[in-house]
Amino acid sequence: MSKRWQYKIVELKPAFLGLRASVIEEKLVQLGAQGWELVSVTPNGVAVRLYLKKEQ
């Protein structure tokens, strides 16, 4: 039986002082705890888009 995936795109926008690596890491830890797996990261202007998936 083939796997079925759920997908999620999260956009992280910079705060007043920019987008710190610690902010991205904290968000990834939260999403990982929910079962999401990071697939890709792309810049979107000054923001960053995280593309994630998890098995249904």
PDB file of N, CA and C in Angstrom:
ATOM      1  N   MET A   1       0.848  -1.180   0.000  1.00  0.00           N
ATOM      2  CA  MET A   1       0.000   0.000   0.000  1.00  0.00           C
ATOM      3  C   MET A   1       0.892   1.241   0.000  1.00  0.00           C
ATOM      4  N   SER A   2       0.582   2.187  -0.839  1.00  0.00           N
ATOM      5  CA  SER A   2       1.403   3.396  -0.917  1.00  0.00           C
ATOM      6  C   SER A   2       1.080   4.336   0.241  1.00  0.00           C
ATOM      7  N   LYS A   3       2.079   5.128   0.593  1.00  0.00           N
ATOM      8  CA  LYS A   3       1.899   6.087   1.684  1.00  0.00           C
ATOM      9  C   LYS A   3       1.085   7.278   1.195  1.00  0.00           C
ATOM     10  N   ARG A   4       0.344   7.857   2.111  1.00  0.00           N
ATOM     11  CA  ARG A   4      -0.409   9.085   1.822  1.00  0.00           C
ATOM     12  C   ARG A   4       0.202  10.187   2.657  1.00  0.00           C
ATOM     13  N   TRP A   5       0.415  11.340   2.041  1.00  0.00           N
ATOM     14  CA  TRP A   5       1.090  12.448   2.700  1.00  0.00           C
ATOM     15  C   TRP A   5       0.169  13.647   2.866  1.00  0.00           C
ATOM     16  N   GLN A   6       0.419  14.357   3.924  1.00  0.00           N
ATOM     17  CA  GLN A   6      -0.218  15.630   4.192  1.00  0.00           C
ATOM     18  C   GLN A   6       0.894  16.665   4.030  1.00  0.00           C
ATOM     19  N   TYR A   7       0.583  17.825   3.458  1.00  0.00           N
ATOM     20  CA  TYR A   7       1.601  18.843   3.216  1.00  0.00           C
ATOM     21  C   TYR A   7       1.246  20.144   3.916  1.00  0.00           C
ATOM     22  N   LYS A   8       2.282  20.913   4.253  1.00  0.00           N
ATOM     23  CA  LYS A   8       2.077  22.179   4.957  1.00  0.00           C
ATOM     24  C   LYS A   8       3.154  23.150   4.493  1.00  0.00           C
ATOM     25  N   ILE A   9       2.773  24.411   4.288  1.00  0.00           N
ATOM     26  CA  ILE A   9       3.729  25.472   3.986  1.00  0.00           C
ATOM     27  C   ILE A   9       3.619  26.509   5.098  1.00  0.00           C
ATOM     28  N   VAL A  10       4.756  26.826   5.703  1.00  0.00           N
ATOM     29  CA  VAL A  10       4.802  27.808   6.787  1.00  0.00           C
ATOM     30  C   VAL A  10       5.714  28.943   6.339  1.00  0.00           C
ATOM     31  N   GLU A  11       5.223  30.174   6.438  1.00  0.00           N
ATOM     32  CA  GLU A  11       6.055  31.329   6.092  1.00  0.00           C
ATOM     33  C   GLU A  11       6.477  32.030   7.376  1.00  0.00           C
ATOM     34  N   LEU A  12       7.773  32.164   7.552  1.00  0.00           N
ATOM     35  CA  LEU A  12       8.314  32.869   8.712  1.00  0.00           C
ATOM     36  C   LEU A  12       8.765  34.249   8.259  1.00  0.00           C
ATOM     37  N   LYS A  13       8.203  35.271   8.888  1.00  0.00           N
ATOM     38  CA  LYS A  13       8.532  36.650   8.530  1.00  0.00           C
ATOM     39  C   LYS A  13       9.470  37.233   9.582  1.00  0.00           C
ATOM     40  N   PRO A  14      10.360  38.107   9.158  1.00  0.00           N
ATOM     41  CA  PRO A  14      11.310  38.680  10.107  1.00  0.00           C
ATOM     42  C   PRO A  14      10.638  39.628  11.095  1.00  0.00           C
ATOM     43  N   ALA A  15      11.196  39.681  12.283  1.00  0.00           N
ATOM     44  CA  ALA A  15      10.767  40.653  13.289  1.00  0.00           C
ATOM     45  C   ALA A  15      11.558  41.938  13.032  1.00  0.00           C
ATOM     46  N   PHE A  16      11.501  42.858  13.947  1.00  0.00           N
ATOM     47  CA  PHE A  16      12.168  44.155  13.804  1.00  0.00           C
ATOM     48  C   PHE A  16      13.658  44.014  13.503  1.00  0.00           C
ATOM     49  N   LEU A  17      14.330  43.067  14.137  1.00  0.00           N
ATOM     50  CA  LEU A  17      15.771  42.901  13.965  1.00  0.00           C
ATOM     51  C   LEU A  17      16.136  41.830  12.942  1.00  0.00           C
ATOM     52  N   GLY A  18      15.186  41.364  12.164  1.00  0.00           N
ATOM     53  CA  GLY A  18      15.474  40.356  11.155  1.00  0.00           C
ATOM     54  C   GLY A  18      15.001  38.979  11.569  1.00  0.00           C
ATOM     55  N   LEU A  19      15.290  38.007  10.730  1.00  0.00           N
ATOM     56  CA  LEU A  19      14.883  36.622  10.970  1.00  0.00           C
ATOM     57  C   LEU A  19      16.087  35.848  11.490  1.00  0.00           C
ATOM     58  N   ARG A  20      16.077  35.565  12.765  1.00  0.00           N
ATOM     59  CA  ARG A  20      17.208  34.878  13.404  1.00  0.00           C
ATOM     60  C   ARG A  20      17.092  33.373  13.222  1.00  0.00           C
ATOM     61  N   ALA A  21      18.242  32.711  13.153  1.00  0.00           N
ATOM     62  CA  ALA A  21      18.269  31.250  13.018  1.00  0.00           C
ATOM     63  C   ALA A  21      17.563  30.578  14.191  1.00  0.00           C
ATOM     64  N   SER A  22      17.656  31.168  15.373  1.00  0.00           N
ATOM     65  CA  SER A  22      17.020  30.573  16.554  1.00  0.00           C
ATOM     66  C   SER A  22      15.493  30.553  16.417  1.00  0.00           C
ATOM     67  N   VAL A  23      14.938  31.534  15.721  1.00  0.00           N
ATOM     68  CA  VAL A  23      13.486  31.581  15.503  1.00  0.00           C
ATOM     69  C   VAL A  23      13.071  30.443  14.566  1.00  0.00           C
ATOM     70  N   ILE A  24      13.857  30.235  13.507  1.00  0.00           N
ATOM     71  CA  ILE A  24      13.576  29.147  12.570  1.00  0.00           C
ATOM     72  C   ILE A  24      13.703  27.804  13.274  1.00  0.00           C
ATOM     73  N   GLU A  25      14.763  27.653  14.056  1.00  0.00           N
ATOM     74  CA  GLU A  25      14.980  26.396  14.780  1.00  0.00           C
ATOM     75  C   GLU A  25      13.841  26.102  15.756  1.00  0.00           C
ATOM     76  N   GLU A  26      13.390  27.120  16.480  1.00  0.00           N
ATOM     77  CA  GLU A  26      12.294  26.945  17.440  1.00  0.00           C
ATOM     78  C   GLU A  26      11.020  26.487  16.725  1.00  0.00           C
ATOM     79  N   LYS A  27      10.735  27.085  15.580  1.00  0.00           N
ATOM     80  CA  LYS A  27       9.540  26.704  14.815  1.00  0.00           C
ATOM     81  C   LYS A  27       9.662  25.271  14.306  1.00  0.00           C
ATOM     82  N   LEU A  28      10.861  24.886  13.832  1.00  0.00           N
ATOM     83  CA  LEU A  28      11.070  23.522  13.347  1.00  0.00           C
ATOM     84  C   LEU A  28      10.920  22.498  14.465  1.00  0.00           C
ATOM     85  N   VAL A  29      11.369  22.818  15.663  1.00  0.00           N
ATOM     86  CA  VAL A  29      11.212  21.924  16.812  1.00  0.00           C
ATOM     87  C   VAL A  29       9.722  21.725  17.112  1.00  0.00           C
ATOM     88  N   GLN A  30       8.957  22.807  17.092  1.00  0.00           N
ATOM     89  CA  GLN A  30       7.509  22.720  17.337  1.00  0.00           C
ATOM     90  C   GLN A  30       6.828  21.841  16.288  1.00  0.00           C
ATOM     91  N   LEU A  31       7.158  22.082  15.029  1.00  0.00           N
ATOM     92  CA  LEU A  31       6.533  21.315  13.952  1.00  0.00           C
ATOM     93  C   LEU A  31       6.968  19.853  13.974  1.00  0.00           C
ATOM     94  N   GLY A  32       8.224  19.596  14.282  1.00  0.00           N
ATOM     95  CA  GLY A  32       8.723  18.223  14.382  1.00  0.00           C
ATOM     96  C   GLY A  32       8.010  17.449  15.477  1.00  0.00           C
ATOM     97  N   ALA A  33       7.718  18.118  16.581  1.00  0.00           N
ATOM     98  CA  ALA A  33       6.998  17.473  17.684  1.00  0.00           C
ATOM     99  C   ALA A  33       5.580  17.078  17.266  1.00  0.00           C
ATOM    100  N   GLN A  34       5.047  17.756  16.249  1.00  0.00           N
ATOM    101  CA  GLN A  34       3.712  17.443  15.729  1.00  0.00           C
ATOM    102  C   GLN A  34       3.769  16.387  14.616  1.00  0.00           C
ATOM    103  N   GLY A  35       4.982  15.915  14.287  1.00  0.00           N
ATOM    104  CA  GLY A  35       5.125  14.877  13.283  1.00  0.00           C
ATOM    105  C   GLY A  35       5.488  15.374  11.895  1.00  0.00           C
ATOM    106  N   TRP A  36       5.697  16.694  11.734  1.00  0.00           N
ATOM    107  CA  TRP A  36       6.026  17.248  10.425  1.00  0.00           C
ATOM    108  C   TRP A  36       7.502  17.051  10.130  1.00  0.00           C
ATOM    109  N   GLU A  37       7.816  16.755   8.870  1.00  0.00           N
ATOM    110  CA  GLU A  37       9.187  16.577   8.398  1.00  0.00           C
ATOM    111  C   GLU A  37       9.494  17.677   7.386  1.00  0.00           C
ATOM    112  N   LEU A  38      10.608  18.365   7.576  1.00  0.00           N
ATOM    113  CA  LEU A  38      11.015  19.424   6.666  1.00  0.00           C
ATOM    114  C   LEU A  38      11.466  18.824   5.340  1.00  0.00           C
ATOM    115  N   VAL A  39      10.919  19.351   4.232  1.00  0.00           N
ATOM    116  CA  VAL A  39      11.257  18.864   2.900  1.00  0.00           C
ATOM    117  C   VAL A  39      12.136  19.878   2.177  1.00  0.00           C
ATOM    118  N   SER A  40      11.809  21.172   2.317  1.00  0.00           N
ATOM    119  CA  SER A  40      12.537  22.204   1.593  1.00  0.00           C
ATOM    120  C   SER A  40      12.360  23.553   2.278  1.00  0.00           C
ATOM    121  N   VAL A  41      13.290  24.459   1.994  1.00  0.00           N
ATOM    122  CA  VAL A  41      13.232  25.835   2.486  1.00  0.00           C
ATOM    123  C   VAL A  41      13.548  26.748   1.309  1.00  0.00           C
ATOM    124  N   THR A  42      12.739  27.796   1.139  1.00  0.00           N
ATOM    125  CA  THR A  42      13.020  28.765   0.086  1.00  0.00           C
ATOM    126  C   THR A  42      12.866  30.180   0.624  1.00  0.00           C
ATOM    127  N   PRO A  43      13.689  31.103   0.129  1.00  0.00           N
ATOM    128  CA  PRO A  43      13.499  32.507   0.507  1.00  0.00           C
ATOM    129  C   PRO A  43      12.282  33.068  -0.212  1.00  0.00           C
ATOM    130  N   ASN A  44      11.605  33.989   0.431  1.00  0.00           N
ATOM    131  CA  ASN A  44      10.459  34.668  -0.164  1.00  0.00           C
ATOM    132  C   ASN A  44      10.560  36.140   0.222  1.00  0.00           C
ATOM    133  N   GLY A  45      11.342  36.882  -0.532  1.00  0.00           N
ATOM    134  CA  GLY A  45      11.610  38.270  -0.158  1.00  0.00           C
ATOM    135  C   GLY A  45      12.462  38.263   1.103  1.00  0.00           C
ATOM    136  N   VAL A  46      11.998  38.922   2.148  1.00  0.00           N
ATOM    137  CA  VAL A  46      12.726  38.911   3.426  1.00  0.00           C
ATOM    138  C   VAL A  46      12.273  37.771   4.326  1.00  0.00           C
ATOM    139  N   ALA A  47      11.241  37.041   3.909  1.00  0.00           N
ATOM    140  CA  ALA A  47      10.714  35.918   4.690  1.00  0.00           C
ATOM    141  C   ALA A  47      11.332  34.602   4.201  1.00  0.00           C
ATOM    142  N   VAL A  48      10.992  33.522   4.893  1.00  0.00           N
ATOM    143  CA  VAL A  48      11.440  32.184   4.533  1.00  0.00           C
ATOM    144  C   VAL A  48      10.220  31.273   4.523  1.00  0.00           C
ATOM    145  N   ARG A  49      10.110  30.438   3.498  1.00  0.00           N
ATOM    146  CA  ARG A  49       9.019  29.456   3.446  1.00  0.00           C
ATOM    147  C   ARG A  49       9.577  28.080   3.757  1.00  0.00           C
ATOM    148  N   LEU A  50       8.896  27.404   4.669  1.00  0.00           N
ATOM    149  CA  LEU A  50       9.246  26.028   5.040  1.00  0.00           C
ATOM    150  C   LEU A  50       8.196  25.111   4.428  1.00  0.00           C
ATOM    151  N   TYR A  51       8.651  24.095   3.700  1.00  0.00           N
ATOM    152  CA  TYR A  51       7.744  23.114   3.094  1.00  0.00           C
ATOM    153  C   TYR A  51       7.900  21.809   3.886  1.00  0.00           C
ATOM    154  N   LEU A  52       6.771  21.315   4.394  1.00  0.00           N
ATOM    155  CA  LEU A  52       6.801  20.157   5.269  1.00  0.00           C
ATOM    156  C   LEU A  52       5.815  19.089   4.807  1.00  0.00           C
ATOM    157  N   LYS A  53       6.045  17.859   5.279  1.00  0.00           N
ATOM    158  CA  LYS A  53       5.107  16.782   5.008  1.00  0.00           C
ATOM    159  C   LYS A  53       5.039  15.867   6.223  1.00  0.00           C
ATOM    160  N   LYS A  54       3.924  15.145   6.332  1.00  0.00           N
ATOM    161  CA  LYS A  54       3.812  14.062   7.328  1.00  0.00           C
ATOM    162  C   LYS A  54       2.861  13.027   6.793  1.00  0.00           C
ATOM    163  N   GLU A  55       3.076  11.815   7.225  1.00  0.00           N
ATOM    164  CA  GLU A  55       2.240  10.710   6.782  1.00  0.00           C
ATOM    165  C   GLU A  55       0.865  10.829   7.415  1.00  0.00           C
ATOM    166  N   GLN A  56      -0.164  10.564   6.608  1.00  0.00           N
ATOM    167  CA  GLN A  56      -1.537  10.624   7.133  1.00  0.00           C
ATOM    168  C   GLN A  56      -1.858   9.400   7.930  1.00  0.00           C
TER     169      GLN A  56
END
